[in-house]
Amino acid sequence: MQHNPGFVALVESILPKVTEITVEEYQADDSWQLLDVREDHEWLKDRLPGARHLGRGILERDVETRFPDKSTPLLLYCGGGYRSALAAYNLQLMGYTKVASLVGGYKAWVARQLPLVTD
């Protein structure tokens, strides 16, 4: 999917303020809670093993209920890393202290031919 220039500019403006974790770094550190911020239809198709779901549309509204401890290590992912970077930035603004975005998101996971969960 081709992203619009304004969206790309927005993401690029916040990226220096967001921690990004590679697939390999995630695999080497089991402290992360993996959080899928994709849309419901994307989540229902398949997802990364161990992921929990809070779609981008409700994330900020519901995250404090699901993860009340703001020091919980949260690794967010989306399709390609843009939405999760924006979501991670917002969670930082909400006081979460260990939040990161998965570099390349779902696509990076699939490119490495790693397992997925389906219903």
PDB file of N, CA and C in Angstrom:
ATOM      1  N   MET A   1       0.841  -1.186   0.000  1.00  0.00           N
ATOM      2  CA  MET A   1       0.000   0.000   0.000  1.00  0.00           C
ATOM      3  C   MET A   1       0.883   1.246   0.000  1.00  0.00           C
ATOM      4  N   GLN A   2       0.574   2.154  -0.877  1.00  0.00           N
ATOM      5  CA  GLN A   2       1.291   3.423  -0.966  1.00  0.00           C
ATOM      6  C   GLN A   2       0.739   4.372   0.095  1.00  0.00           C
ATOM      7  N   HIS A   3       1.613   4.861   0.973  1.00  0.00           N
ATOM      8  CA  HIS A   3       1.180   5.791   2.015  1.00  0.00           C
ATOM      9  C   HIS A   3       1.176   7.214   1.479  1.00  0.00           C
ATOM     10  N   ASN A   4       0.249   8.002   1.968  1.00  0.00           N
ATOM     11  CA  ASN A   4       0.166   9.403   1.583  1.00  0.00           C
ATOM     12  C   ASN A   4       1.330  10.191   2.181  1.00  0.00           C
ATOM     13  N   PRO A   5       1.782  11.235   1.472  1.00  0.00           N
ATOM     14  CA  PRO A   5       2.951  11.992   1.928  1.00  0.00           C
ATOM     15  C   PRO A   5       2.784  12.607   3.319  1.00  0.00           C
ATOM     16  N   GLY A   6       1.606  13.109   3.628  1.00  0.00           N
ATOM     17  CA  GLY A   6       1.388  13.713   4.942  1.00  0.00           C
ATOM     18  C   GLY A   6       1.518  12.705   6.066  1.00  0.00           C
ATOM     19  N   PHE A   7       1.024  11.493   5.826  1.00  0.00           N
ATOM     20  CA  PHE A   7       1.125  10.422   6.815  1.00  0.00           C
ATOM     21  C   PHE A   7       2.585  10.031   7.023  1.00  0.00           C
ATOM     22  N   VAL A   8       3.312   9.866   5.929  1.00  0.00           N
ATOM     23  CA  VAL A   8       4.729   9.499   6.012  1.00  0.00           C
ATOM     24  C   VAL A   8       5.507  10.587   6.753  1.00  0.00           C
ATOM     25  N   ALA A   9       5.220  11.853   6.454  1.00  0.00           N
ATOM     26  CA  ALA A   9       5.906  12.961   7.126  1.00  0.00           C
ATOM     27  C   ALA A   9       5.616  12.952   8.624  1.00  0.00           C
ATOM     28  N   LEU A  10       4.378  12.662   8.991  1.00  0.00           N
ATOM     29  CA  LEU A  10       4.015  12.588  10.406  1.00  0.00           C
ATOM     30  C   LEU A  10       4.806  11.493  11.106  1.00  0.00           C
ATOM     31  N   VAL A  11       4.826  10.308  10.513  1.00  0.00           N
ATOM     32  CA  VAL A  11       5.560   9.188  11.117  1.00  0.00           C
ATOM     33  C   VAL A  11       7.045   9.526  11.217  1.00  0.00           C
ATOM     34  N   GLU A  12       7.609  10.056  10.154  1.00  0.00           N
ATOM     35  CA  GLU A  12       9.037  10.389  10.172  1.00  0.00           C
ATOM     36  C   GLU A  12       9.365  11.441  11.227  1.00  0.00           C
ATOM     37  N   SER A  13       8.406  12.323  11.522  1.00  0.00           N
ATOM     38  CA  SER A  13       8.657  13.369  12.521  1.00  0.00           C
ATOM     39  C   SER A  13       8.704  12.823  13.945  1.00  0.00           C
ATOM     40  N   ILE A  14       8.033  11.703  14.206  1.00  0.00           N
ATOM     41  CA  ILE A  14       8.019  11.153  15.568  1.00  0.00           C
ATOM     42  C   ILE A  14       8.995   9.990  15.738  1.00  0.00           C
ATOM     43  N   LEU A  15       9.467   9.401  14.650  1.00  0.00           N
ATOM     44  CA  LEU A  15      10.355   8.232  14.749  1.00  0.00           C
ATOM     45  C   LEU A  15      11.580   8.448  15.644  1.00  0.00           C
ATOM     46  N   PRO A  16      12.219   9.620  15.615  1.00  0.00           N
ATOM     47  CA  PRO A  16      13.368   9.800  16.510  1.00  0.00           C
ATOM     48  C   PRO A  16      13.004   9.711  17.997  1.00  0.00           C
ATOM     49  N   LYS A  17      11.729   9.840  18.306  1.00  0.00           N
ATOM     50  CA  LYS A  17      11.274   9.805  19.697  1.00  0.00           C
ATOM     51  C   LYS A  17      10.737   8.440  20.106  1.00  0.00           C
ATOM     52  N   VAL A  18      10.767   7.482  19.183  1.00  0.00           N
ATOM     53  CA  VAL A  18      10.188   6.155  19.423  1.00  0.00           C
ATOM     54  C   VAL A  18      11.293   5.104  19.354  1.00  0.00           C
ATOM     55  N   THR A  19      11.290   4.196  20.319  1.00  0.00           N
ATOM     56  CA  THR A  19      12.212   3.063  20.276  1.00  0.00           C
ATOM     57  C   THR A  19      11.694   2.056  19.264  1.00  0.00           C
ATOM     58  N   GLU A  20      12.573   1.582  18.407  1.00  0.00           N
ATOM     59  CA  GLU A  20      12.202   0.543  17.450  1.00  0.00           C
ATOM     60  C   GLU A  20      13.027  -0.707  17.747  1.00  0.00           C
ATOM     61  N   ILE A  21      12.357  -1.844  17.713  1.00  0.00           N
ATOM     62  CA  ILE A  21      12.964  -3.135  18.014  1.00  0.00           C
ATOM     63  C   ILE A  21      12.837  -4.023  16.777  1.00  0.00           C
ATOM     64  N   THR A  22      13.910  -4.689  16.403  1.00  0.00           N
ATOM     65  CA  THR A  22      13.850  -5.605  15.265  1.00  0.00           C
ATOM     66  C   THR A  22      13.233  -6.935  15.698  1.00  0.00           C
ATOM     67  N   VAL A  23      12.855  -7.730  14.723  1.00  0.00           N
ATOM     68  CA  VAL A  23      12.327  -9.066  15.005  1.00  0.00           C
ATOM     69  C   VAL A  23      13.345  -9.863  15.817  1.00  0.00           C
ATOM     70  N   GLU A  24      14.602  -9.782  15.431  1.00  0.00           N
ATOM     71  CA  GLU A  24      15.646 -10.540  16.121  1.00  0.00           C
ATOM     72  C   GLU A  24      15.825 -10.071  17.568  1.00  0.00           C
ATOM     73  N   GLU A  25      15.752  -8.771  17.785  1.00  0.00           N
ATOM     74  CA  GLU A  25      15.857  -8.250  19.156  1.00  0.00           C
ATOM     75  C   GLU A  25      14.676  -8.721  20.003  1.00  0.00           C
ATOM     76  N   TYR A  26      13.492  -8.736  19.405  1.00  0.00           N
ATOM     77  CA  TYR A  26      12.314  -9.230  20.118  1.00  0.00           C
ATOM     78  C   TYR A  26      12.487 -10.702  20.488  1.00  0.00           C
ATOM     79  N   GLN A  27      12.952 -11.496  19.550  1.00  0.00           N
ATOM     80  CA  GLN A  27      13.122 -12.927  19.797  1.00  0.00           C
ATOM     81  C   GLN A  27      14.154 -13.203  20.894  1.00  0.00           C
ATOM     82  N   ALA A  28      15.106 -12.300  21.072  1.00  0.00           N
ATOM     83  CA  ALA A  28      16.160 -12.485  22.069  1.00  0.00           C
ATOM     84  C   ALA A  28      15.774 -11.966  23.456  1.00  0.00           C
ATOM     85  N   ASP A  29      14.612 -11.322  23.572  1.00  0.00           N
ATOM     86  CA  ASP A  29      14.207 -10.708  24.842  1.00  0.00           C
ATOM     87  C   ASP A  29      12.752 -11.039  25.121  1.00  0.00           C
ATOM     88  N   ASP A  30      12.509 -11.969  26.039  1.00  0.00           N
ATOM     89  CA  ASP A  30      11.135 -12.418  26.294  1.00  0.00           C
ATOM     90  C   ASP A  30      10.383 -11.552  27.304  1.00  0.00           C
ATOM     91  N   SER A  31      10.904 -10.372  27.617  1.00  0.00           N
ATOM     92  CA  SER A  31      10.207  -9.497  28.567  1.00  0.00           C
ATOM     93  C   SER A  31       9.070  -8.699  27.925  1.00  0.00           C
ATOM     94  N   TRP A  32       9.051  -8.629  26.603  1.00  0.00           N
ATOM     95  CA  TRP A  32       8.056  -7.806  25.910  1.00  0.00           C
ATOM     96  C   TRP A  32       6.674  -8.451  25.896  1.00  0.00           C
ATOM     97  N   GLN A  33       5.641  -7.636  26.125  1.00  0.00           N
ATOM     98  CA  GLN A  33       4.256  -8.002  25.855  1.00  0.00           C
ATOM     99  C   GLN A  33       3.993  -7.546  24.420  1.00  0.00           C
ATOM    100  N   LEU A  34       3.646  -8.466  23.551  1.00  0.00           N
ATOM    101  CA  LEU A  34       3.445  -8.154  22.137  1.00  0.00           C
ATOM    102  C   LEU A  34       2.008  -7.700  21.921  1.00  0.00           C
ATOM    103  N   LEU A  35       1.848  -6.526  21.334  1.00  0.00           N
ATOM    104  CA  LEU A  35       0.527  -5.927  21.164  1.00  0.00           C
ATOM    105  C   LEU A  35       0.287  -5.584  19.698  1.00  0.00           C
ATOM    106  N   ASP A  36      -0.701  -6.233  19.112  1.00  0.00           N
ATOM    107  CA  ASP A  36      -1.090  -6.028  17.714  1.00  0.00           C
ATOM    108  C   ASP A  36      -2.055  -4.850  17.659  1.00  0.00           C
ATOM    109  N   VAL A  37      -1.684  -3.789  16.949  1.00  0.00           N
ATOM    110  CA  VAL A  37      -2.540  -2.603  16.852  1.00  0.00           C
ATOM    111  C   VAL A  37      -3.211  -2.501  15.481  1.00  0.00           C
ATOM    112  N   ARG A  38      -3.199  -3.594  14.723  1.00  0.00           N
ATOM    113  CA  ARG A  38      -3.842  -3.592  13.403  1.00  0.00           C
ATOM    114  C   ARG A  38      -5.362  -3.583  13.552  1.00  0.00           C
ATOM    115  N   GLU A  39      -6.035  -3.407  12.450  1.00  0.00           N
ATOM    116  CA  GLU A  39      -7.495  -3.430  12.425  1.00  0.00           C
ATOM    117  C   GLU A  39      -8.001  -4.833  12.745  1.00  0.00           C
ATOM    118  N   ASP A  40      -9.250  -4.908  13.190  1.00  0.00           N
ATOM    119  CA  ASP A  40      -9.839  -6.191  13.577  1.00  0.00           C
ATOM    120  C   ASP A  40      -9.743  -7.233  12.463  1.00  0.00           C
ATOM    121  N   HIS A  41     -10.030  -6.851  11.214  1.00  0.00           N
ATOM    122  CA  HIS A  41     -10.010  -7.834  10.122  1.00  0.00           C
ATOM    123  C   HIS A  41      -8.596  -8.371   9.870  1.00  0.00           C
ATOM    124  N   GLU A  42      -7.582  -7.559  10.121  1.00  0.00           N
ATOM    125  CA  GLU A  42      -6.205  -8.029   9.966  1.00  0.00           C
ATOM    126  C   GLU A  42      -5.870  -9.040  11.065  1.00  0.00           C
ATOM    127  N   TRP A  43      -6.269  -8.724  12.292  1.00  0.00           N
ATOM    128  CA  TRP A  43      -6.044  -9.605  13.449  1.00  0.00           C
ATOM    129  C   TRP A  43      -6.742 -10.945  13.254  1.00  0.00           C
ATOM    130  N   LEU A  44      -7.966 -10.910  12.751  1.00  0.00           N
ATOM    131  CA  LEU A  44      -8.739 -12.142  12.590  1.00  0.00           C
ATOM    132  C   LEU A  44      -8.137 -13.068  11.532  1.00  0.00           C
ATOM    133  N   LYS A  45      -7.467 -12.502  10.549  1.00  0.00           N
ATOM    134  CA  LYS A  45      -6.849 -13.321   9.497  1.00  0.00           C
ATOM    135  C   LYS A  45      -5.694 -14.146  10.069  1.00  0.00           C
ATOM    136  N   ASP A  46      -4.742 -13.480  10.687  1.00  0.00           N
ATOM    137  CA  ASP A  46      -3.631 -14.148  11.373  1.00  0.00           C
ATOM    138  C   ASP A  46      -2.858 -13.120  12.182  1.00  0.00           C
ATOM    139  N   ARG A  47      -1.976 -13.628  13.052  1.00  0.00           N
ATOM    140  CA  ARG A  47      -1.256 -12.750  13.963  1.00  0.00           C
ATOM    141  C   ARG A  47       0.031 -13.411  14.422  1.00  0.00           C
ATOM    142  N   LEU A  48       0.888 -12.635  15.051  1.00  0.00           N
ATOM    143  CA  LEU A  48       2.122 -13.167  15.609  1.00  0.00           C
ATOM    144  C   LEU A  48       1.807 -13.964  16.871  1.00  0.00           C
ATOM    145  N   PRO A  49       2.507 -15.069  17.094  1.00  0.00           N
ATOM    146  CA  PRO A  49       2.272 -15.888  18.288  1.00  0.00           C
ATOM    147  C   PRO A  49       2.462 -15.072  19.573  1.00  0.00           C
ATOM    148  N   GLY A  50       1.532 -15.248  20.501  1.00  0.00           N
ATOM    149  CA  GLY A  50       1.617 -14.571  21.789  1.00  0.00           C
ATOM    150  C   GLY A  50       1.093 -13.154  21.804  1.00  0.00           C
ATOM    151  N   ALA A  51       0.669 -12.656  20.645  1.00  0.00           N
ATOM    152  CA  ALA A  51       0.193 -11.273  20.575  1.00  0.00           C
ATOM    153  C   ALA A  51      -1.182 -11.125  21.215  1.00  0.00           C
ATOM    154  N   ARG A  52      -1.388  -9.954  21.780  1.00  0.00           N
ATOM    155  CA  ARG A  52      -2.706  -9.538  22.240  1.00  0.00           C
ATOM    156  C   ARG A  52      -3.147  -8.429  21.297  1.00  0.00           C
ATOM    157  N   HIS A  53      -4.443  -8.149  21.264  1.00  0.00           N
ATOM    158  CA  HIS A  53      -4.955  -7.203  20.278  1.00  0.00           C
ATOM    159  C   HIS A  53      -5.640  -6.015  20.932  1.00  0.00           C
ATOM    160  N   LEU A  54      -5.215  -4.842  20.542  1.00  0.00           N
ATOM    161  CA  LEU A  54      -5.906  -3.583  20.827  1.00  0.00           C
ATOM    162  C   LEU A  54      -5.745  -2.752  19.564  1.00  0.00           C
ATOM    163  N   GLY A  55      -6.770  -2.744  18.734  1.00  0.00           N
ATOM    164  CA  GLY A  55      -6.689  -2.034  17.469  1.00  0.00           C
ATOM    165  C   GLY A  55      -6.386  -0.560  17.653  1.00  0.00           C
ATOM    166  N   ARG A  56      -5.755   0.007  16.657  1.00  0.00           N
ATOM    167  CA  ARG A  56      -5.336   1.415  16.685  1.00  0.00           C
ATOM    168  C   ARG A  56      -6.493   2.345  17.030  1.00  0.00           C
ATOM    169  N   GLY A  57      -7.689   2.006  16.624  1.00  0.00           N
ATOM    170  CA  GLY A  57      -8.838   2.871  16.871  1.00  0.00           C
ATOM    171  C   GLY A  57      -9.276   2.954  18.321  1.00  0.00           C
ATOM    172  N   ILE A  58      -8.923   1.947  19.129  1.00  0.00           N
ATOM    173  CA  ILE A  58      -9.344   1.944  20.539  1.00  0.00           C
ATOM    174  C   ILE A  58      -8.168   1.878  21.505  1.00  0.00           C
ATOM    175  N   LEU A  59      -6.978   1.845  20.992  1.00  0.00           N
ATOM    176  CA  LEU A  59      -5.786   1.644  21.819  1.00  0.00           C
ATOM    177  C   LEU A  59      -5.708   2.630  22.980  1.00  0.00           C
ATOM    178  N   GLU A  60      -5.707   3.910  22.670  1.00  0.00           N
ATOM    179  CA  GLU A  60      -5.539   4.913  23.717  1.00  0.00           C
ATOM    180  C   GLU A  60      -6.693   4.881  24.718  1.00  0.00           C
ATOM    181  N   ARG A  61      -7.868   4.534  24.251  1.00  0.00           N
ATOM    182  CA  ARG A  61      -9.035   4.463  25.131  1.00  0.00           C
ATOM    183  C   ARG A  61      -8.930   3.309  26.114  1.00  0.00           C
ATOM    184  N   ASP A  62      -8.423   2.152  25.666  1.00  0.00           N
ATOM    185  CA  ASP A  62      -8.500   0.925  26.464  1.00  0.00           C
ATOM    186  C   ASP A  62      -7.184   0.427  27.048  1.00  0.00           C
ATOM    187  N   VAL A  63      -6.068   0.995  26.664  1.00  0.00           N
ATOM    188  CA  VAL A  63      -4.782   0.435  27.081  1.00  0.00           C
ATOM    189  C   VAL A  63      -4.595   0.449  28.595  1.00  0.00           C
ATOM    190  N   GLU A  64      -5.067   1.473  29.271  1.00  0.00           N
ATOM    191  CA  GLU A  64      -4.862   1.548  30.721  1.00  0.00           C
ATOM    192  C   GLU A  64      -5.652   0.481  31.463  1.00  0.00           C
ATOM    193  N   THR A  65      -6.750   0.021  30.871  1.00  0.00           N
ATOM    194  CA  THR A  65      -7.511  -1.077  31.465  1.00  0.00           C
ATOM    195  C   THR A  65      -6.758  -2.387  31.281  1.00  0.00           C
ATOM    196  N   ARG A  66      -6.240  -2.608  30.090  1.00  0.00           N
ATOM    197  CA  ARG A  66      -5.530  -3.862  29.788  1.00  0.00           C
ATOM    198  C   ARG A  66      -4.138  -3.921  30.401  1.00  0.00           C
ATOM    199  N   PHE A  67      -3.473  -2.772  30.461  1.00  0.00           N
ATOM    200  CA  PHE A  67      -2.102  -2.697  30.980  1.00  0.00           C
ATOM    201  C   PHE A  67      -1.997  -1.528  31.963  1.00  0.00           C
ATOM    202  N   PRO A  68      -2.525  -1.703  33.174  1.00  0.00           N
ATOM    203  CA  PRO A  68      -2.528  -0.590  34.132  1.00  0.00           C
ATOM    204  C   PRO A  68      -1.132  -0.190  34.621  1.00  0.00           C
ATOM    205  N   ASP A  69      -0.189  -1.122  34.602  1.00  0.00           N
ATOM    206  CA  ASP A  69       1.181  -0.823  35.023  1.00  0.00           C
ATOM    207  C   ASP A  69       1.914  -0.174  33.853  1.00  0.00           C
ATOM    208  N   LYS A  70       2.185   1.106  33.970  1.00  0.00           N
ATOM    209  CA  LYS A  70       2.769   1.849  32.851  1.00  0.00           C
ATOM    210  C   LYS A  70       4.249   1.553  32.629  1.00  0.00           C
ATOM    211  N   SER A  71       4.816   0.667  33.457  1.00  0.00           N
ATOM    212  CA  SER A  71       6.198   0.241  33.218  1.00  0.00           C
ATOM    213  C   SER A  71       6.258  -1.109  32.503  1.00  0.00           C
ATOM    214  N   THR A  72       5.081  -1.661  32.141  1.00  0.00           N
ATOM    215  CA  THR A  72       5.041  -2.920  31.393  1.00  0.00           C
ATOM    216  C   THR A  72       5.725  -2.735  30.036  1.00  0.00           C
ATOM    217  N   PRO A  73       6.658  -3.605  29.677  1.00  0.00           N
ATOM    218  CA  PRO A  73       7.293  -3.507  28.360  1.00  0.00           C
ATOM    219  C   PRO A  73       6.299  -3.899  27.258  1.00  0.00           C
ATOM    220  N   LEU A  74       5.921  -2.952  26.431  1.00  0.00           N
ATOM    221  CA  LEU A  74       4.948  -3.177  25.364  1.00  0.00           C
ATOM    222  C   LEU A  74       5.621  -3.010  24.009  1.00  0.00           C
ATOM    223  N   LEU A  75       5.593  -4.064  23.211  1.00  0.00           N
ATOM    224  CA  LEU A  75       6.106  -4.005  21.845  1.00  0.00           C
ATOM    225  C   LEU A  75       4.917  -4.035  20.902  1.00  0.00           C
ATOM    226  N   LEU A  76       4.695  -2.941  20.204  1.00  0.00           N
ATOM    227  CA  LEU A  76       3.555  -2.796  19.314  1.00  0.00           C
ATOM    228  C   LEU A  76       3.949  -3.152  17.889  1.00  0.00           C
ATOM    229  N   TYR A  77       3.005  -3.761  17.175  1.00  0.00           N
ATOM    230  CA  TYR A  77       3.250  -3.995  15.752  1.00  0.00           C
ATOM    231  C   TYR A  77       1.976  -3.776  14.958  1.00  0.00           C
ATOM    232  N   CYS A  78       2.176  -3.425  13.691  1.00  0.00           N
ATOM    233  CA  CYS A  78       1.079  -3.263  12.733  1.00  0.00           C
ATOM    234  C   CYS A  78       1.529  -3.951  11.448  1.00  0.00           C
ATOM    235  N   GLY A  79       0.997  -3.545  10.321  1.00  0.00           N
ATOM    236  CA  GLY A  79       1.366  -4.183   9.067  1.00  0.00           C
ATOM    237  C   GLY A  79       2.797  -3.927   8.645  1.00  0.00           C
ATOM    238  N   GLY A  80       3.260  -2.685   8.783  1.00  0.00           N
ATOM    239  CA  GLY A  80       4.585  -2.346   8.302  1.00  0.00           C
ATOM    240  C   GLY A  80       5.416  -1.472   9.221  1.00  0.00           C
ATOM    241  N   GLY A  81       4.877  -1.089  10.367  1.00  0.00           N
ATOM    242  CA  GLY A  81       5.640  -0.323  11.340  1.00  0.00           C
ATOM    243  C   GLY A  81       5.264   1.138  11.481  1.00  0.00           C
ATOM    244  N   TYR A  82       4.401   1.639  10.615  1.00  0.00           N
ATOM    245  CA  TYR A  82       4.014   3.046  10.692  1.00  0.00           C
ATOM    246  C   TYR A  82       2.974   3.293  11.784  1.00  0.00           C
ATOM    247  N   ARG A  83       1.877   2.563  11.734  1.00  0.00           N
ATOM    248  CA  ARG A  83       0.820   2.747  12.741  1.00  0.00           C
ATOM    249  C   ARG A  83       1.332   2.424  14.129  1.00  0.00           C
ATOM    250  N   SER A  84       2.155   1.389  14.237  1.00  0.00           N
ATOM    251  CA  SER A  84       2.670   1.020  15.561  1.00  0.00           C
ATOM    252  C   SER A  84       3.619   2.086  16.103  1.00  0.00           C
ATOM    253  N   ALA A  85       4.365   2.750  15.249  1.00  0.00           N
ATOM    254  CA  ALA A  85       5.234   3.839  15.709  1.00  0.00           C
ATOM    255  C   ALA A  85       4.393   4.988  16.257  1.00  0.00           C
ATOM    256  N   LEU A  86       3.334   5.354  15.542  1.00  0.00           N
ATOM    257  CA  LEU A  86       2.441   6.408  16.034  1.00  0.00           C
ATOM    258  C   LEU A  86       1.787   6.002  17.348  1.00  0.00           C
ATOM    259  N   ALA A  87       1.369   4.751  17.429  1.00  0.00           N
ATOM    260  CA  ALA A  87       0.729   4.257  18.650  1.00  0.00           C
ATOM    261  C   ALA A  87       1.720   4.260  19.811  1.00  0.00           C
ATOM    262  N   ALA A  88       2.950   3.832  19.570  1.00  0.00           N
ATOM    263  CA  ALA A  88       3.973   3.825  20.618  1.00  0.00           C
ATOM    264  C   ALA A  88       4.239   5.244  21.118  1.00  0.00           C
ATOM    265  N   TYR A  89       4.293   6.175  20.210  1.00  0.00           N
ATOM    266  CA  TYR A  89       4.506   7.577  20.582  1.00  0.00           C
ATOM    267  C   TYR A  89       3.375   8.059  21.488  1.00  0.00           C
ATOM    268  N   ASN A  90       2.138   7.750  21.116  1.00  0.00           N
ATOM    269  CA  ASN A  90       1.000   8.167  21.938  1.00  0.00           C
ATOM    270  C   ASN A  90       1.036   7.532  23.321  1.00  0.00           C
ATOM    271  N   LEU A  91       1.425   6.263  23.402  1.00  0.00           N
ATOM    272  CA  LEU A  91       1.508   5.613  24.713  1.00  0.00           C
ATOM    273  C   LEU A  91       2.589   6.266  25.570  1.00  0.00           C
ATOM    274  N   GLN A  92       3.665   6.705  24.958  1.00  0.00           N
ATOM    275  CA  GLN A  92       4.679   7.445  25.708  1.00  0.00           C
ATOM    276  C   GLN A  92       4.080   8.732  26.269  1.00  0.00           C
ATOM    277  N   LEU A  93       3.294   9.422  25.462  1.00  0.00           N
ATOM    278  CA  LEU A  93       2.644  10.649  25.927  1.00  0.00           C
ATOM    279  C   LEU A  93       1.685  10.370  27.077  1.00  0.00           C
ATOM    280  N   MET A  94       1.144   9.153  27.115  1.00  0.00           N
ATOM    281  CA  MET A  94       0.224   8.752  28.184  1.00  0.00           C
ATOM    282  C   MET A  94       0.967   8.272  29.433  1.00  0.00           C
ATOM    283  N   GLY A  95       2.284   8.246  29.393  1.00  0.00           N
ATOM    284  CA  GLY A  95       3.059   7.888  30.572  1.00  0.00           C
ATOM    285  C   GLY A  95       3.659   6.498  30.580  1.00  0.00           C
ATOM    286  N   TYR A  96       3.483   5.736  29.502  1.00  0.00           N
ATOM    287  CA  TYR A  96       4.099   4.410  29.425  1.00  0.00           C
ATOM    288  C   TYR A  96       5.602   4.592  29.199  1.00  0.00           C
ATOM    289  N   THR A  97       6.395   3.872  29.983  1.00  0.00           N
ATOM    290  CA  THR A  97       7.835   4.135  30.004  1.00  0.00           C
ATOM    291  C   THR A  97       8.681   3.151  29.205  1.00  0.00           C
ATOM    292  N   LYS A  98       8.123   1.997  28.853  1.00  0.00           N
ATOM    293  CA  LYS A  98       8.892   1.027  28.047  1.00  0.00           C
ATOM    294  C   LYS A  98       8.006   0.547  26.902  1.00  0.00           C
ATOM    295  N   VAL A  99       7.958   1.362  25.875  1.00  0.00           N
ATOM    296  CA  VAL A  99       7.129   1.089  24.706  1.00  0.00           C
ATOM    297  C   VAL A  99       8.028   1.117  23.477  1.00  0.00           C
ATOM    298  N   ALA A 100       7.790   0.191  22.562  1.00  0.00           N
ATOM    299  CA  ALA A 100       8.572   0.154  21.327  1.00  0.00           C
ATOM    300  C   ALA A 100       7.678  -0.280  20.173  1.00  0.00           C
ATOM    301  N   SER A 101       8.167  -0.046  18.973  1.00  0.00           N
ATOM    302  CA  SER A 101       7.491  -0.444  17.745  1.00  0.00           C
ATOM    303  C   SER A 101       8.363  -1.475  17.033  1.00  0.00           C
ATOM    304  N   LEU A 102       7.732  -2.517  16.510  1.00  0.00           N
ATOM    305  CA  LEU A 102       8.458  -3.564  15.790  1.00  0.00           C
ATOM    306  C   LEU A 102       8.820  -3.064  14.392  1.00  0.00           C
ATOM    307  N   VAL A 103      10.102  -2.997  14.110  1.00  0.00           N
ATOM    308  CA  VAL A 103      10.579  -2.528  12.805  1.00  0.00           C
ATOM    309  C   VAL A 103      10.009  -3.427  11.708  1.00  0.00           C
ATOM    310  N   GLY A 104       9.311  -2.827  10.760  1.00  0.00           N
ATOM    311  CA  GLY A 104       8.762  -3.587   9.640  1.00  0.00           C
ATOM    312  C   GLY A 104       7.476  -4.327   9.946  1.00  0.00           C
ATOM    313  N   GLY A 105       7.096  -4.392  11.224  1.00  0.00           N
ATOM    314  CA  GLY A 105       5.829  -4.981  11.642  1.00  0.00           C
ATOM    315  C   GLY A 105       5.597  -6.402  11.147  1.00  0.00           C
ATOM    316  N   TYR A 106       4.338  -6.683  10.879  1.00  0.00           N
ATOM    317  CA  TYR A 106       3.883  -7.996  10.405  1.00  0.00           C
ATOM    318  C   TYR A 106       4.665  -8.436   9.166  1.00  0.00           C
ATOM    319  N   LYS A 107       4.897  -7.495   8.247  1.00  0.00           N
ATOM    320  CA  LYS A 107       5.591  -7.833   6.998  1.00  0.00           C
ATOM    321  C   LYS A 107       7.008  -8.333   7.263  1.00  0.00           C
ATOM    322  N   ALA A 108       7.687  -7.747   8.233  1.00  0.00           N
ATOM    323  CA  ALA A 108       9.045  -8.187   8.571  1.00  0.00           C
ATOM    324  C   ALA A 108       9.022  -9.599   9.150  1.00  0.00           C
ATOM    325  N   TRP A 109       8.001  -9.898   9.950  1.00  0.00           N
ATOM    326  CA  TRP A 109       7.854 -11.236  10.536  1.00  0.00           C
ATOM    327  C   TRP A 109       7.630 -12.271   9.428  1.00  0.00           C
ATOM    328  N   VAL A 110       6.704 -11.969   8.531  1.00  0.00           N
ATOM    329  CA  VAL A 110       6.362 -12.876   7.431  1.00  0.00           C
ATOM    330  C   VAL A 110       7.562 -13.061   6.495  1.00  0.00           C
ATOM    331  N   ALA A 111       8.306 -11.999   6.242  1.00  0.00           N
ATOM    332  CA  ALA A 111       9.468 -12.083   5.356  1.00  0.00           C
ATOM    333  C   ALA A 111      10.516 -13.063   5.883  1.00  0.00           C
ATOM    334  N   ARG A 112      10.543 -13.255   7.187  1.00  0.00           N
ATOM    335  CA  ARG A 112      11.485 -14.199   7.796  1.00  0.00           C
ATOM    336  C   ARG A 112      10.894 -15.604   7.901  1.00  0.00           C
ATOM    337  N   GLN A 113       9.699 -15.757   7.364  1.00  0.00           N
ATOM    338  CA  GLN A 113       8.984 -17.045   7.355  1.00  0.00           C
ATOM    339  C   GLN A 113       8.810 -17.614   8.761  1.00  0.00           C
ATOM    340  N   LEU A 114       8.498 -16.726   9.697  1.00  0.00           N
ATOM    341  CA  LEU A 114       8.252 -17.133  11.080  1.00  0.00           C
ATOM    342  C   LEU A 114       6.793 -17.546  11.234  1.00  0.00           C
ATOM    343  N   PRO A 115       6.469 -18.339  12.250  1.00  0.00           N
ATOM    344  CA  PRO A 115       5.101 -18.852  12.393  1.00  0.00           C
ATOM    345  C   PRO A 115       4.084 -17.763  12.703  1.00  0.00           C
ATOM    346  N   LEU A 116       2.857 -18.025  12.268  1.00  0.00           N
ATOM    347  CA  LEU A 116       1.714 -17.158  12.540  1.00  0.00           C
ATOM    348  C   LEU A 116       0.623 -17.990  13.189  1.00  0.00           C
ATOM    349  N   VAL A 117      -0.266 -17.316  13.899  1.00  0.00           N
ATOM    350  CA  VAL A 117      -1.416 -17.968  14.519  1.00  0.00           C
ATOM    351  C   VAL A 117      -2.652 -17.627  13.700  1.00  0.00           C
ATOM    352  N   THR A 118      -3.448 -18.635  13.396  1.00  0.00           N
ATOM    353  CA  THR A 118      -4.731 -18.423  12.721  1.00  0.00           C
ATOM    354  C   THR A 118      -5.816 -19.111  13.533  1.00  0.00           C
ATOM    355  N   ASP A 119      -7.037 -18.647  13.357  1.00  0.00           N
ATOM    356  CA  ASP A 119      -8.162 -19.280  14.063  1.00  0.00           C
ATOM    357  C   ASP A 119      -8.739 -20.409  13.253  1.00  0.00           C
TER     358      ASP A 119
END
